[in-house]
């Protein structure tokens, strides 16, 4: 079981008097294809979310996107029971079984909120009279963790978000970006499996926002949490999301990878949503690589890997041979390499997964001065040289 959270045919409706009769009438109108406006006018019921189906895998950052009023925050709040589904299921997995948050008892819901799900708010949600450490430890305090254990757990997370020096400071002494880090530390300190983040960086200026996005990605590499992240910023979504869901008027229009959303929009609405986006951050090795044939393409048993025919790949020996006889070793990366930390010398051929970003591929090509081999689950399937990178970029950007 790898699904951490699943929404199945979820409807979330609101009525001022919470009239069951009005809500049931609204549900019937939804089933008949009624629009939000028609339902509101006829029944005074507001449709927050309609027939939402979404599965979020463990360790993913799943982005909910849409214009104001699209239902993204409403759906997010169903993930911890703040918004109740009037129909459908909101299931959280524990590795063995699922609990339906829309139908569980209050004690179960409280326990899940304490131990399984944490939330990071747009307005930080901090207590100004408390220190940074005490704010970060609030969730643990409510859970009844002893002060000594709480301090140890909190200090670990403050170090993780770079706030150790400010542990005893008051919230009022911190900048907006630092306050948001306190909110992140508080969520991480609970050690919850699932983090709900409702436009956490939207109130910050662009430079601080980009820095926190980078920090979130860095922390996520270490903690591998399941994160549901509401955003109205498509740049942010493409940068940090493994999965993106576009919503409109309470309904999910498309869910897919950033590459799917950008290059395979399901309709004009999604296409317009991403029309002016720079595709470069989303491109990966698979987008631009040149496919390689199986061994034996040439008479000598080697496969050429550059357009000039100077380098040939030996599938058996796992080496790259210069046509003049020089042998180059291959460095395989079974996961996407971190170009900030890996040392790449000239002449060392890099072999990276298909999901490696185009930016990383270009850096590896530049540093090694060699074509970059591309593998899928260990099997070499293509390569990227200067010509492939430029050609792929030109085609995808419509040149």
Foldseek 3Di string as FASTA:
>chain_A
DFWFKWWAQFWFKDAPVPDPVLVVVLVVCVVVVHAQVVSCVPRVMGTLAGGDTDTFGFLFAEEEAEDPSLNQVVVLCVQLPPTATPDTFMWGDPPPDTDTSNDDDPVVSVVCDLAAEEEQEQQLPFDQVAFLLCRLLVSVVVVPDDPVVSSVLLCVLCVLLVNNVRRGPGPVVDDPLVSSSSSVSSRVSSVHQEYEYENNCVVDDPVSSVVVLVSVQVVSVVSSGGYYHYDHDLVSCLQRGQKYWYGGSNYTQDIDGSCCLQPPPPDVVSCVSCVPPDCQQNAFQLLQWDWWDDFPPDVVRWTQADPVSQWTARPVVRWIAGPVGDIAHEDEDQAADDPVPDDEAARHEYEYERGHHLVSLVVNCVRHVDWHFYDHNPHTTGIDHPVSSVVSSCVVVVD
